[in-house]
mmCIF file of all heavy atoms, coordinates in Angstrom:
data_MODEL
# 
_entry.id   MODEL 
# 
loop_
_atom_site.group_PDB 
_atom_site.id 
_atom_site.type_symbol 
_atom_site.label_atom_id 
_atom_site.label_alt_id 
_atom_site.label_comp_id 
_atom_site.label_asym_id 
_atom_site.label_entity_id 
_atom_site.label_seq_id 
_atom_site.pdbx_PDB_ins_code 
_atom_site.Cartn_x 
_atom_site.Cartn_y 
_atom_site.Cartn_z 
_atom_site.occupancy 
_atom_site.B_iso_or_equiv 
_atom_site.pdbx_formal_charge 
_atom_site.auth_seq_id 
_atom_site.auth_comp_id 
_atom_site.auth_asym_id 
_atom_site.auth_atom_id 
_atom_site.pdbx_PDB_model_num 
ATOM 1   N N   . PRO A 1 1  ? 0.824  -1.202 -0.012 1.00 0.00 ? 1  PRO A N   1 
ATOM 2   C CA  . PRO A 1 1  ? -0.020 0.004  -0.006 1.00 0.00 ? 1  PRO A CA  1 
ATOM 3   C C   . PRO A 1 1  ? 0.876  1.274  0.034  1.00 0.00 ? 1  PRO A C   1 
ATOM 4   O O   . PRO A 1 1  ? 1.898  1.324  0.713  1.00 0.00 ? 1  PRO A O   1 
ATOM 5   C CB  . PRO A 1 1  ? -0.751 -0.175 1.273  1.00 0.00 ? 1  PRO A CB  1 
ATOM 6   C CG  . PRO A 1 1  ? -0.759 -1.601 1.653  1.00 0.00 ? 1  PRO A CG  1 
ATOM 7   C CD  . PRO A 1 1  ? 0.533  -2.036 1.155  1.00 0.00 ? 1  PRO A CD  1 
ATOM 8   N N   . THR A 1 2  ? 0.488  2.243  -0.759 1.00 0.00 ? 2  THR A N   1 
ATOM 9   C CA  . THR A 1 2  ? 1.161  3.534  -0.746 1.00 0.00 ? 2  THR A CA  1 
ATOM 10  C C   . THR A 1 2  ? 0.596  4.470  0.359  1.00 0.00 ? 2  THR A C   1 
ATOM 11  O O   . THR A 1 2  ? 1.310  5.351  0.847  1.00 0.00 ? 2  THR A O   1 
ATOM 12  C CB  . THR A 1 2  ? 1.024  4.242  -2.085 1.00 0.00 ? 2  THR A CB  1 
ATOM 13  O OG1 . THR A 1 2  ? -0.414 4.362  -2.448 1.00 0.00 ? 2  THR A OG1 1 
ATOM 14  C CG2 . THR A 1 2  ? 1.682  3.467  -3.228 1.00 0.00 ? 2  THR A CG2 1 
ATOM 15  N N   . LYS A 1 3  ? -0.650 4.192  0.720  1.00 0.00 ? 3  LYS A N   1 
ATOM 16  C CA  . LYS A 1 3  ? -1.282 4.910  1.867  1.00 0.00 ? 3  LYS A CA  1 
ATOM 17  C C   . LYS A 1 3  ? -2.263 3.958  2.542  1.00 0.00 ? 3  LYS A C   1 
ATOM 18  O O   . LYS A 1 3  ? -2.864 3.146  1.781  1.00 0.00 ? 3  LYS A O   1 
ATOM 19  C CB  . LYS A 1 3  ? -2.067 6.164  1.311  1.00 0.00 ? 3  LYS A CB  1 
ATOM 20  C CG  . LYS A 1 3  ? -1.211 7.390  1.139  1.00 0.00 ? 3  LYS A CG  1 
ATOM 21  C CD  . LYS A 1 3  ? -2.138 8.535  0.873  1.00 0.00 ? 3  LYS A CD  1 
ATOM 22  C CE  . LYS A 1 3  ? -1.354 9.894  0.871  1.00 0.00 ? 3  LYS A CE  1 
ATOM 23  N NZ  . LYS A 1 3  ? -2.283 11.022 0.810  1.00 0.00 ? 3  LYS A NZ  1 
ATOM 24  N N   . PRO A 1 4  ? -2.478 4.056  3.827  1.00 0.00 ? 4  PRO A N   1 
ATOM 25  C CA  . PRO A 1 4  ? -1.622 4.843  4.833  1.00 0.00 ? 4  PRO A CA  1 
ATOM 26  C C   . PRO A 1 4  ? -0.222 4.129  4.963  1.00 0.00 ? 4  PRO A C   1 
ATOM 27  O O   . PRO A 1 4  ? -0.088 2.942  4.580  1.00 0.00 ? 4  PRO A O   1 
ATOM 28  C CB  . PRO A 1 4  ? -2.391 4.688  6.112  1.00 0.00 ? 4  PRO A CB  1 
ATOM 29  C CG  . PRO A 1 4  ? -3.756 4.220  5.728  1.00 0.00 ? 4  PRO A CG  1 
ATOM 30  C CD  . PRO A 1 4  ? -3.586 3.408  4.477  1.00 0.00 ? 4  PRO A CD  1 
ATOM 31  N N   . PRO A 1 5  ? 0.757  4.874  5.476  1.00 0.00 ? 5  PRO A N   1 
ATOM 32  C CA  . PRO A 1 5  ? 2.100  4.244  5.784  1.00 0.00 ? 5  PRO A CA  1 
ATOM 33  C C   . PRO A 1 5  ? 1.952  3.160  6.839  1.00 0.00 ? 5  PRO A C   1 
ATOM 34  O O   . PRO A 1 5  ? 0.971  3.096  7.534  1.00 0.00 ? 5  PRO A O   1 
ATOM 35  C CB  . PRO A 1 5  ? 2.922  5.398  6.220  1.00 0.00 ? 5  PRO A CB  1 
ATOM 36  C CG  . PRO A 1 5  ? 1.954  6.401  6.757  1.00 0.00 ? 5  PRO A CG  1 
ATOM 37  C CD  . PRO A 1 5  ? 0.663  6.220  5.965  1.00 0.00 ? 5  PRO A CD  1 
ATOM 38  N N   . ALA A 1 6  ? 2.957  2.208  6.880  1.00 0.00 ? 6  ALA A N   1 
ATOM 39  C CA  . ALA A 1 6  ? 2.971  1.198  7.880  1.00 0.00 ? 6  ALA A CA  1 
ATOM 40  C C   . ALA A 1 6  ? 2.888  1.836  9.272  1.00 0.00 ? 6  ALA A C   1 
ATOM 41  O O   . ALA A 1 6  ? 3.437  2.910  9.502  1.00 0.00 ? 6  ALA A O   1 
ATOM 42  C CB  . ALA A 1 6  ? 4.222  0.371  7.719  1.00 0.00 ? 6  ALA A CB  1 
ATOM 43  N N   . TYR A 1 7  ? 2.175  1.144  10.156 1.00 0.00 ? 7  TYR A N   1 
ATOM 44  C CA  . TYR A 1 7  ? 1.961  1.718  11.500 1.00 0.00 ? 7  TYR A CA  1 
ATOM 45  C C   . TYR A 1 7  ? 2.832  1.006  12.571 1.00 0.00 ? 7  TYR A C   1 
ATOM 46  O O   . TYR A 1 7  ? 2.694  1.302  13.760 1.00 0.00 ? 7  TYR A O   1 
ATOM 47  C CB  . TYR A 1 7  ? 0.516  1.707  11.920 1.00 0.00 ? 7  TYR A CB  1 
ATOM 48  C CG  . TYR A 1 7  ? -0.168 0.369  11.840 1.00 0.00 ? 7  TYR A CG  1 
ATOM 49  C CD1 . TYR A 1 7  ? -0.134 -0.544 12.904 1.00 0.00 ? 7  TYR A CD1 1 
ATOM 50  C CD2 . TYR A 1 7  ? -0.993 0.031  10.781 1.00 0.00 ? 7  TYR A CD2 1 
ATOM 51  C CE1 . TYR A 1 7  ? -0.796 -1.766 12.862 1.00 0.00 ? 7  TYR A CE1 1 
ATOM 52  C CE2 . TYR A 1 7  ? -1.671 -1.198 10.679 1.00 0.00 ? 7  TYR A CE2 1 
ATOM 53  C CZ  . TYR A 1 7  ? -1.602 -2.098 11.737 1.00 0.00 ? 7  TYR A CZ  1 
ATOM 54  O OH  . TYR A 1 7  ? -2.249 -3.250 11.731 1.00 0.00 ? 7  TYR A OH  1 
ATOM 55  N N   . ASP A 1 8  ? 3.774  0.205  12.132 1.00 0.00 ? 8  ASP A N   1 
ATOM 56  C CA  . ASP A 1 8  ? 4.753  -0.358 13.072 1.00 0.00 ? 8  ASP A CA  1 
ATOM 57  C C   . ASP A 1 8  ? 6.001  -0.745 12.235 1.00 0.00 ? 8  ASP A C   1 
ATOM 58  O O   . ASP A 1 8  ? 6.040  -0.661 11.029 1.00 0.00 ? 8  ASP A O   1 
ATOM 59  C CB  . ASP A 1 8  ? 4.200  -1.557 13.860 1.00 0.00 ? 8  ASP A CB  1 
ATOM 60  C CG  . ASP A 1 8  ? 4.808  -1.784 15.192 1.00 0.00 ? 8  ASP A CG  1 
ATOM 61  O OD1 . ASP A 1 8  ? 6.088  -1.705 15.280 1.00 0.00 ? 8  ASP A OD1 1 
ATOM 62  O OD2 . ASP A 1 8  ? 4.084  -2.010 16.137 1.00 0.00 ? 8  ASP A OD2 1 
ATOM 63  N N   . VAL A 1 9  ? 7.041  -1.227 12.964 1.00 0.00 ? 9  VAL A N   1 
ATOM 64  C CA  . VAL A 1 9  ? 8.267  -1.616 12.260 1.00 0.00 ? 9  VAL A CA  1 
ATOM 65  C C   . VAL A 1 9  ? 8.038  -2.733 11.324 1.00 0.00 ? 9  VAL A C   1 
ATOM 66  O O   . VAL A 1 9  ? 7.377  -3.690 11.623 1.00 0.00 ? 9  VAL A O   1 
ATOM 67  C CB  . VAL A 1 9  ? 9.317  -1.984 13.283 1.00 0.00 ? 9  VAL A CB  1 
ATOM 68  C CG1 . VAL A 1 9  ? 10.648 -2.363 12.627 1.00 0.00 ? 9  VAL A CG1 1 
ATOM 69  C CG2 . VAL A 1 9  ? 9.570  -0.834 14.279 1.00 0.00 ? 9  VAL A CG2 1 
ATOM 70  N N   . GLN A 1 10 ? 8.567  -2.648 10.135 1.00 0.00 ? 10 GLN A N   1 
ATOM 71  C CA  . GLN A 1 10 ? 8.532  -3.690 9.096  1.00 0.00 ? 10 GLN A CA  1 
ATOM 72  C C   . GLN A 1 10 ? 9.961  -4.024 8.644  1.00 0.00 ? 10 GLN A C   1 
ATOM 73  O O   . GLN A 1 10 ? 10.681 -3.162 8.191  1.00 0.00 ? 10 GLN A O   1 
ATOM 74  C CB  . GLN A 1 10 ? 7.656  -3.272 7.874  1.00 0.00 ? 10 GLN A CB  1 
ATOM 75  C CG  . GLN A 1 10 ? 6.249  -3.097 8.195  1.00 0.00 ? 10 GLN A CG  1 
ATOM 76  C CD  . GLN A 1 10 ? 5.416  -2.646 6.962  1.00 0.00 ? 10 GLN A CD  1 
ATOM 77  O OE1 . GLN A 1 10 ? 5.974  -1.912 6.095  1.00 0.00 ? 10 GLN A OE1 1 
ATOM 78  N NE2 . GLN A 1 10 ? 4.191  -3.082 6.874  1.00 0.00 ? 10 GLN A NE2 1 
ATOM 79  N N   . GLY A 1 11 ? 10.326 -5.305 8.778  1.00 0.00 ? 11 GLY A N   1 
ATOM 80  C CA  . GLY A 1 11 ? 11.656 -5.653 8.389  1.00 0.00 ? 11 GLY A CA  1 
ATOM 81  C C   . GLY A 1 11 ? 12.624 -5.221 9.500  1.00 0.00 ? 11 GLY A C   1 
ATOM 82  O O   . GLY A 1 11 ? 12.184 -4.567 10.491 1.00 0.00 ? 11 GLY A O   1 
ATOM 83  N N   . ILE A 1 12 ? 13.864 -5.464 9.324  1.00 0.00 ? 12 ILE A N   1 
ATOM 84  C CA  . ILE A 1 12 ? 14.808 -5.174 10.365 1.00 0.00 ? 12 ILE A CA  1 
ATOM 85  C C   . ILE A 1 12 ? 16.165 -4.747 9.758  1.00 0.00 ? 12 ILE A C   1 
ATOM 86  O O   . ILE A 1 12 ? 16.667 -5.304 8.771  1.00 0.00 ? 12 ILE A O   1 
ATOM 87  C CB  . ILE A 1 12 ? 15.133 -6.338 11.281 1.00 0.00 ? 12 ILE A CB  1 
ATOM 88  C CG1 . ILE A 1 12 ? 16.114 -6.000 12.392 1.00 0.00 ? 12 ILE A CG1 1 
ATOM 89  C CG2 . ILE A 1 12 ? 15.478 -7.661 10.518 1.00 0.00 ? 12 ILE A CG2 1 
ATOM 90  C CD1 . ILE A 1 12 ? 16.303 -7.112 13.442 1.00 0.00 ? 12 ILE A CD1 1 
ATOM 91  N N   . GLY A 1 13 ? 16.674 -3.557 10.218 1.00 0.00 ? 13 GLY A N   1 
ATOM 92  C CA  . GLY A 1 13 ? 17.970 -3.055 9.884  1.00 0.00 ? 13 GLY A CA  1 
ATOM 93  C C   . GLY A 1 13 ? 18.713 -2.697 11.107 1.00 0.00 ? 13 GLY A C   1 
ATOM 94  O O   . GLY A 1 13 ? 18.189 -2.742 12.204 1.00 0.00 ? 13 GLY A O   1 
ATOM 95  N N   . MET A 1 14 ? 19.953 -2.253 10.948 1.00 0.00 ? 14 MET A N   1 
ATOM 96  C CA  . MET A 1 14 ? 20.750 -1.879 12.089 1.00 0.00 ? 14 MET A CA  1 
ATOM 97  C C   . MET A 1 14 ? 20.164 -0.779 12.914 1.00 0.00 ? 14 MET A C   1 
ATOM 98  O O   . MET A 1 14 ? 20.279 -0.674 14.155 1.00 0.00 ? 14 MET A O   1 
ATOM 99  C CB  . MET A 1 14 ? 22.183 -1.575 11.648 1.00 0.00 ? 14 MET A CB  1 
ATOM 100 C CG  . MET A 1 14 ? 22.940 -2.732 11.112 1.00 0.00 ? 14 MET A CG  1 
ATOM 101 S SD  . MET A 1 14 ? 23.096 -4.082 12.261 1.00 0.00 ? 14 MET A SD  1 
ATOM 102 C CE  . MET A 1 14 ? 23.899 -5.341 11.173 1.00 0.00 ? 14 MET A CE  1 
ATOM 103 N N   . ASP A 1 15 ? 19.451 0.157  12.276 1.00 0.00 ? 15 ASP A N   1 
ATOM 104 C CA  . ASP A 1 15 ? 18.850 1.230  12.990 1.00 0.00 ? 15 ASP A CA  1 
ATOM 105 C C   . ASP A 1 15 ? 17.720 0.861  13.923 1.00 0.00 ? 15 ASP A C   1 
ATOM 106 O O   . ASP A 1 15 ? 17.244 1.665  14.716 1.00 0.00 ? 15 ASP A O   1 
ATOM 107 C CB  . ASP A 1 15 ? 18.343 2.333  11.945 1.00 0.00 ? 15 ASP A CB  1 
ATOM 108 C CG  . ASP A 1 15 ? 19.495 3.049  11.326 1.00 0.00 ? 15 ASP A CG  1 
ATOM 109 O OD1 . ASP A 1 15 ? 20.644 2.991  11.801 1.00 0.00 ? 15 ASP A OD1 1 
ATOM 110 O OD2 . ASP A 1 15 ? 19.209 3.679  10.270 1.00 0.00 ? 15 ASP A OD2 1 
ATOM 111 N N   . ASP A 1 16 ? 17.239 -0.372 13.737 1.00 0.00 ? 16 ASP A N   1 
ATOM 112 C CA  . ASP A 1 16 ? 16.098 -0.837 14.539 1.00 0.00 ? 16 ASP A CA  1 
ATOM 113 C C   . ASP A 1 16 ? 16.578 -1.504 15.865 1.00 0.00 ? 16 ASP A C   1 
ATOM 114 O O   . ASP A 1 16 ? 15.735 -1.845 16.728 1.00 0.00 ? 16 ASP A O   1 
ATOM 115 C CB  . ASP A 1 16 ? 15.235 -1.865 13.755 1.00 0.00 ? 16 ASP A CB  1 
ATOM 116 C CG  . ASP A 1 16 ? 14.675 -1.226 12.512 1.00 0.00 ? 16 ASP A CG  1 
ATOM 117 O OD1 . ASP A 1 16 ? 14.027 -0.180 12.651 1.00 0.00 ? 16 ASP A OD1 1 
ATOM 118 O OD2 . ASP A 1 16 ? 14.888 -1.770 11.394 1.00 0.00 ? 16 ASP A OD2 1 
ATOM 119 N N   . LEU A 1 17 ? 17.852 -1.705 15.973 1.00 0.00 ? 17 LEU A N   1 
ATOM 120 C CA  . LEU A 1 17 ? 18.361 -2.498 17.136 1.00 0.00 ? 17 LEU A CA  1 
ATOM 121 C C   . LEU A 1 17 ? 18.432 -1.723 18.414 1.00 0.00 ? 17 LEU A C   1 
ATOM 122 O O   . LEU A 1 17 ? 18.585 -0.482 18.408 1.00 0.00 ? 17 LEU A O   1 
ATOM 123 C CB  . LEU A 1 17 ? 19.747 -3.104 16.797 1.00 0.00 ? 17 LEU A CB  1 
ATOM 124 C CG  . LEU A 1 17 ? 19.859 -3.982 15.546 1.00 0.00 ? 17 LEU A CG  1 
ATOM 125 C CD1 . LEU A 1 17 ? 21.282 -4.463 15.362 1.00 0.00 ? 17 LEU A CD1 1 
ATOM 126 C CD2 . LEU A 1 17 ? 18.908 -5.094 15.631 1.00 0.00 ? 17 LEU A CD2 1 
ATOM 127 N N   . ILE A 1 18 ? 18.408 -2.409 19.532 1.00 0.00 ? 18 ILE A N   1 
ATOM 128 C CA  . ILE A 1 18 ? 18.463 -1.793 20.844 1.00 0.00 ? 18 ILE A CA  1 
ATOM 129 C C   . ILE A 1 18 ? 19.698 -0.934 20.970 1.00 0.00 ? 18 ILE A C   1 
ATOM 130 O O   . ILE A 1 18 ? 20.768 -1.204 20.538 1.00 0.00 ? 18 ILE A O   1 
ATOM 131 C CB  . ILE A 1 18 ? 18.532 -2.911 21.912 1.00 0.00 ? 18 ILE A CB  1 
ATOM 132 C CG1 . ILE A 1 18 ? 18.510 -2.294 23.327 1.00 0.00 ? 18 ILE A CG1 1 
ATOM 133 C CG2 . ILE A 1 18 ? 19.684 -3.764 21.714 1.00 0.00 ? 18 ILE A CG2 1 
ATOM 134 C CD1 . ILE A 1 18 ? 18.392 -3.378 24.436 1.00 0.00 ? 18 ILE A CD1 1 
ATOM 135 N N   . ASP A 1 19 ? 19.463 0.333  21.595 1.00 0.00 ? 19 ASP A N   1 
ATOM 136 C CA  . ASP A 1 19 ? 20.580 1.293  21.620 1.00 0.00 ? 19 ASP A CA  1 
ATOM 137 C C   . ASP A 1 19 ? 20.570 2.023  22.935 1.00 0.00 ? 19 ASP A C   1 
ATOM 138 O O   . ASP A 1 19 ? 20.967 3.165  23.043 1.00 0.00 ? 19 ASP A O   1 
ATOM 139 C CB  . ASP A 1 19 ? 20.572 2.256  20.438 1.00 0.00 ? 19 ASP A CB  1 
ATOM 140 C CG  . ASP A 1 19 ? 19.279 3.077  20.469 1.00 0.00 ? 19 ASP A CG  1 
ATOM 141 O OD1 . ASP A 1 19 ? 18.427 2.916  21.253 1.00 0.00 ? 19 ASP A OD1 1 
ATOM 142 O OD2 . ASP A 1 19 ? 19.231 4.021  19.597 1.00 0.00 ? 19 ASP A OD2 1 
ATOM 143 N N   . PHE A 1 20 ? 20.081 1.414  23.993 1.00 0.00 ? 20 PHE A N   1 
ATOM 144 C CA  . PHE A 1 20 ? 20.094 2.038  25.308 1.00 0.00 ? 20 PHE A CA  1 
ATOM 145 C C   . PHE A 1 20 ? 21.469 2.409  25.780 1.00 0.00 ? 20 PHE A C   1 
ATOM 146 O O   . PHE A 1 20 ? 21.699 3.512  26.354 1.00 0.00 ? 20 PHE A O   1 
ATOM 147 C CB  . PHE A 1 20 ? 19.466 1.120  26.380 1.00 0.00 ? 20 PHE A CB  1 
ATOM 148 C CG  . PHE A 1 20 ? 18.019 0.875  26.281 1.00 0.00 ? 20 PHE A CG  1 
ATOM 149 C CD1 . PHE A 1 20 ? 17.455 -0.354 26.422 1.00 0.00 ? 20 PHE A CD1 1 
ATOM 150 C CD2 . PHE A 1 20 ? 17.128 1.910  25.937 1.00 0.00 ? 20 PHE A CD2 1 
ATOM 151 C CE1 . PHE A 1 20 ? 16.103 -0.658 26.409 1.00 0.00 ? 20 PHE A CE1 1 
ATOM 152 C CE2 . PHE A 1 20 ? 15.809 1.644  25.795 1.00 0.00 ? 20 PHE A CE2 1 
ATOM 153 C CZ  . PHE A 1 20 ? 15.247 0.412  25.969 1.00 0.00 ? 20 PHE A CZ  1 
ATOM 154 N N   . THR A 1 21 ? 22.479 1.505  25.417 1.00 0.00 ? 21 THR A N   1 
ATOM 155 C CA  . THR A 1 21 ? 23.898 1.835  25.739 1.00 0.00 ? 21 THR A CA  1 
ATOM 156 C C   . THR A 1 21 ? 24.683 1.340  24.592 1.00 0.00 ? 21 THR A C   1 
ATOM 157 O O   . THR A 1 21 ? 24.270 0.475  23.816 1.00 0.00 ? 21 THR A O   1 
ATOM 158 C CB  . THR A 1 21 ? 24.351 1.127  27.008 1.00 0.00 ? 21 THR A CB  1 
ATOM 159 O OG1 . THR A 1 21 ? 24.384 -0.293 26.743 1.00 0.00 ? 21 THR A OG1 1 
ATOM 160 C CG2 . THR A 1 21 ? 23.450 1.427  28.202 1.00 0.00 ? 21 THR A CG2 1 
ATOM 161 N N   . PRO A 1 22 ? 25.892 1.949  24.339 1.00 0.00 ? 22 PRO A N   1 
ATOM 162 C CA  . PRO A 1 22 ? 26.799 1.431  23.290 1.00 0.00 ? 22 PRO A CA  1 
ATOM 163 C C   . PRO A 1 22 ? 27.077 -0.065 23.425 1.00 0.00 ? 22 PRO A C   1 
ATOM 164 O O   . PRO A 1 22 ? 27.163 -0.734 22.359 1.00 0.00 ? 22 PRO A O   1 
ATOM 165 C CB  . PRO A 1 22 ? 28.020 2.264  23.426 1.00 0.00 ? 22 PRO A CB  1 
ATOM 166 C CG  . PRO A 1 22 ? 27.569 3.590  24.119 1.00 0.00 ? 22 PRO A CG  1 
ATOM 167 C CD  . PRO A 1 22 ? 26.455 3.069  25.022 1.00 0.00 ? 22 PRO A CD  1 
ATOM 168 N N   . GLU A 1 23 ? 27.235 -0.571 24.611 1.00 0.00 ? 23 GLU A N   1 
ATOM 169 C CA  . GLU A 1 23 ? 27.624 -2.026 24.757 1.00 0.00 ? 23 GLU A CA  1 
ATOM 170 C C   . GLU A 1 23 ? 26.437 -2.908 24.319 1.00 0.00 ? 23 GLU A C   1 
ATOM 171 O O   . GLU A 1 23 ? 26.604 -3.904 23.607 1.00 0.00 ? 23 GLU A O   1 
ATOM 172 C CB  . GLU A 1 23 ? 27.949 -2.290 26.207 1.00 0.00 ? 23 GLU A CB  1 
ATOM 173 C CG  . GLU A 1 23 ? 28.311 -3.773 26.475 1.00 0.00 ? 23 GLU A CG  1 
ATOM 174 C CD  . GLU A 1 23 ? 29.492 -4.197 25.639 1.00 0.00 ? 23 GLU A CD  1 
ATOM 175 O OE1 . GLU A 1 23 ? 30.370 -3.407 25.296 1.00 0.00 ? 23 GLU A OE1 1 
ATOM 176 O OE2 . GLU A 1 23 ? 29.535 -5.450 25.373 1.00 0.00 ? 23 GLU A OE2 1 
ATOM 177 N N   . LEU A 1 24 ? 25.197 -2.475 24.715 1.00 0.00 ? 24 LEU A N   1 
ATOM 178 C CA  . LEU A 1 24 ? 24.033 -3.279 24.297 1.00 0.00 ? 24 LEU A CA  1 
ATOM 179 C C   . LEU A 1 24 ? 23.866 -3.223 22.739 1.00 0.00 ? 24 LEU A C   1 
ATOM 180 O O   . LEU A 1 24 ? 23.556 -4.250 22.111 1.00 0.00 ? 24 LEU A O   1 
ATOM 181 C CB  . LEU A 1 24 ? 22.764 -2.755 24.974 1.00 0.00 ? 24 LEU A CB  1 
ATOM 182 C CG  . LEU A 1 24 ? 22.676 -3.015 26.493 1.00 0.00 ? 24 LEU A CG  1 
ATOM 183 C CD1 . LEU A 1 24 ? 21.473 -2.185 27.084 1.00 0.00 ? 24 LEU A CD1 1 
ATOM 184 C CD2 . LEU A 1 24 ? 22.444 -4.455 26.774 1.00 0.00 ? 24 LEU A CD2 1 
ATOM 185 N N   . ARG A 1 25 ? 24.117 -2.085 22.191 1.00 0.00 ? 25 ARG A N   1 
ATOM 186 C CA  . ARG A 1 25 ? 24.037 -1.903 20.741 1.00 0.00 ? 25 ARG A CA  1 
ATOM 187 C C   . ARG A 1 25 ? 25.046 -2.808 20.052 1.00 0.00 ? 25 ARG A C   1 
ATOM 188 O O   . ARG A 1 25 ? 24.723 -3.520 19.114 1.00 0.00 ? 25 ARG A O   1 
ATOM 189 C CB  . ARG A 1 25 ? 24.309 -0.465 20.403 1.00 0.00 ? 25 ARG A CB  1 
ATOM 190 C CG  . ARG A 1 25 ? 24.567 -0.182 18.973 1.00 0.00 ? 25 ARG A CG  1 
ATOM 191 C CD  . ARG A 1 25 ? 23.253 -0.195 18.210 1.00 0.00 ? 25 ARG A CD  1 
ATOM 192 N NE  . ARG A 1 25 ? 23.447 0.254  16.826 1.00 0.00 ? 25 ARG A NE  1 
ATOM 193 C CZ  . ARG A 1 25 ? 22.465 0.618  16.002 1.00 0.00 ? 25 ARG A CZ  1 
ATOM 194 N NH1 . ARG A 1 25 ? 21.233 0.583  16.444 1.00 0.00 ? 25 ARG A NH1 1 
ATOM 195 N NH2 . ARG A 1 25 ? 22.686 1.034  14.756 1.00 0.00 ? 25 ARG A NH2 1 
ATOM 196 N N   . LYS A 1 26 ? 26.278 -2.848 20.584 1.00 0.00 ? 26 LYS A N   1 
ATOM 197 C CA  . LYS A 1 26 ? 27.290 -3.672 19.972 1.00 0.00 ? 26 LYS A CA  1 
ATOM 198 C C   . LYS A 1 26 ? 26.990 -5.138 20.019 1.00 0.00 ? 26 LYS A C   1 
ATOM 199 O O   . LYS A 1 26 ? 27.148 -5.884 19.049 1.00 0.00 ? 26 LYS A O   1 
ATOM 200 C CB  . LYS A 1 26 ? 28.650 -3.428 20.729 1.00 0.00 ? 26 LYS A CB  1 
ATOM 201 C CG  . LYS A 1 26 ? 29.829 -4.206 20.167 1.00 0.00 ? 26 LYS A CG  1 
ATOM 202 C CD  . LYS A 1 26 ? 31.077 -3.920 20.990 1.00 0.00 ? 26 LYS A CD  1 
ATOM 203 C CE  . LYS A 1 26 ? 32.259 -4.773 20.469 1.00 0.00 ? 26 LYS A CE  1 
ATOM 204 N NZ  . LYS A 1 26 ? 33.485 -4.450 21.267 1.00 0.00 ? 26 LYS A NZ  1 
ATOM 205 N N   . GLN A 1 27 ? 26.395 -5.598 21.157 1.00 0.00 ? 27 GLN A N   1 
ATOM 206 C CA  . GLN A 1 27 ? 26.002 -6.956 21.245 1.00 0.00 ? 27 GLN A CA  1 
ATOM 207 C C   . GLN A 1 27 ? 24.868 -7.295 20.352 1.00 0.00 ? 27 GLN A C   1 
ATOM 208 O O   . GLN A 1 27 ? 24.866 -8.398 19.823 1.00 0.00 ? 27 GLN A O   1 
ATOM 209 C CB  . GLN A 1 27 ? 25.615 -7.288 22.651 1.00 0.00 ? 27 GLN A CB  1 
ATOM 210 C CG  . GLN A 1 27 ? 26.832 -7.224 23.746 1.00 0.00 ? 27 GLN A CG  1 
ATOM 211 C CD  . GLN A 1 27 ? 26.360 -7.505 25.095 1.00 0.00 ? 27 GLN A CD  1 
ATOM 212 O OE1 . GLN A 1 27 ? 25.412 -8.220 25.356 1.00 0.00 ? 27 GLN A OE1 1 
ATOM 213 N NE2 . GLN A 1 27 ? 27.126 -6.901 26.100 1.00 0.00 ? 27 GLN A NE2 1 
# 
């Protein structure tokens, strides 16, 4: 669909990963 946009995360990339701390992000 071109509209409406997705209303939650779809697929996974590095920007979607946990980033509370640099160490958690690295893991």
